[in-house]
Amino acid sequence: MIKFVKWFFSPSKKPVVEHIDVYSKLQELEDRIRVLEEENVETTNSLYEMSNSLEARIDILTLESWRQKDV
C-alpha cells in the first residue's frame, strides 16, 4: 500500500506540454465525431437493408415450401 501511495504521488514522467491549442483540438474531435456519426448511420442503414432482404428471402422460401407440400 505504501508503494502505491508513493507511486501515485510521485512526479509524472510525461513531458509537460506548455502550449496546447484547445480550440483546434476540440474542432478536430468534433470533425471526427461527425465522421463517425455518418459512418454509424450508413452502417445502420446497411444492416436494416440486409435484415429486410433476409426476411423477404425467408418468406419466399417458406411460401415455396408450403406450395410444394400442397401439391
Protein backbone atom coordinates (compact mmCIF):
# COMPACT_ATOMS: atom_id res chain seq x y z
CA MET A 1 0.00 0.00 0.00
CA ILE A 2 2.84 2.37 0.81
CA LYS A 3 4.40 1.68 -2.60
CA PHE A 4 1.15 2.59 -4.29
CA VAL A 5 0.86 5.87 -2.40
CA LYS A 6 4.46 6.78 -3.25
CA TRP A 7 3.89 5.87 -6.88
CA PHE A 8 0.60 7.79 -7.01
CA PHE A 9 2.11 10.98 -5.64
CA SER A 10 5.41 10.75 -7.47
CA PRO A 11 6.06 13.19 -10.32
CA SER A 12 4.86 12.13 -13.72
CA LYS A 13 7.46 11.16 -16.28
CA LYS A 14 5.36 12.51 -19.11
CA PRO A 15 6.67 15.73 -20.62
CA VAL A 16 4.71 18.80 -19.73
CA VAL A 17 3.26 20.39 -22.82
CA GLU A 18 3.19 24.11 -22.40
CA HIS A 19 1.25 25.13 -25.47
CA ILE A 20 -1.95 23.28 -26.26
CA ASP A 21 -4.38 24.75 -28.73
CA VAL A 22 -7.59 23.55 -27.11
CA TYR A 23 -9.87 25.09 -29.73
CA SER A 24 -8.16 23.34 -32.65
CA LYS A 25 -8.16 20.06 -30.75
CA LEU A 26 -11.86 20.50 -29.97
CA GLN A 27 -12.59 21.24 -33.63
CA GLU A 28 -10.62 18.17 -34.68
CA LEU A 29 -12.60 15.98 -32.27
CA GLU A 30 -15.91 17.45 -33.44
CA ASP A 31 -14.99 16.67 -37.03
CA ARG A 32 -14.07 13.12 -36.06
CA ILE A 33 -17.38 12.71 -34.21
CA ARG A 34 -19.27 13.95 -37.27
CA VAL A 35 -17.48 11.40 -39.49
CA LEU A 36 -18.15 8.58 -37.02
CA GLU A 37 -21.84 9.50 -36.76
CA GLU A 38 -22.16 9.45 -40.56
CA GLU A 39 -20.48 6.04 -40.68
CA ASN A 40 -22.80 4.81 -37.94
CA VAL A 41 -25.87 5.91 -39.91
CA GLU A 42 -24.55 4.21 -43.06
CA THR A 43 -23.82 1.00 -41.15
CA THR A 44 -27.26 1.03 -39.52
CA ASN A 45 -28.95 1.56 -42.88
CA SER A 46 -26.96 -1.30 -44.40
CA LEU A 47 -27.95 -3.59 -41.54
CA TYR A 48 -31.63 -2.72 -41.99
CA GLU A 49 -31.37 -3.40 -45.73
CA MET A 50 -29.72 -6.77 -45.12
CA SER A 51 -32.28 -7.66 -42.47
CA ASN A 52 -35.19 -6.77 -44.76
CA SER A 53 -33.63 -8.68 -47.64
CA LEU A 54 -33.08 -11.74 -45.46
CA GLU A 55 -36.63 -11.64 -44.11
CA ALA A 56 -38.02 -11.33 -47.64
CA ARG A 57 -35.93 -14.29 -48.80
CA ILE A 58 -37.10 -16.38 -45.83
CA ASP A 59 -40.70 -15.51 -46.67
CA ILE A 60 -40.17 -16.57 -50.30
CA LEU A 61 -38.58 -19.86 -49.29
CA THR A 62 -41.35 -20.54 -46.76
CA LEU A 63 -44.06 -19.91 -49.37
CA GLU A 64 -42.27 -22.15 -51.89
CA SER A 65 -42.01 -24.89 -49.28
CA TRP A 66 -45.73 -24.67 -48.48
CA ARG A 67 -46.68 -24.74 -52.16
CA GLN A 68 -44.63 -27.88 -52.73
CA LYS A 69 -46.32 -29.61 -49.79
CA ASP A 70 -49.80 -28.71 -51.08
CA VAL A 71 -49.16 -30.26 -54.49
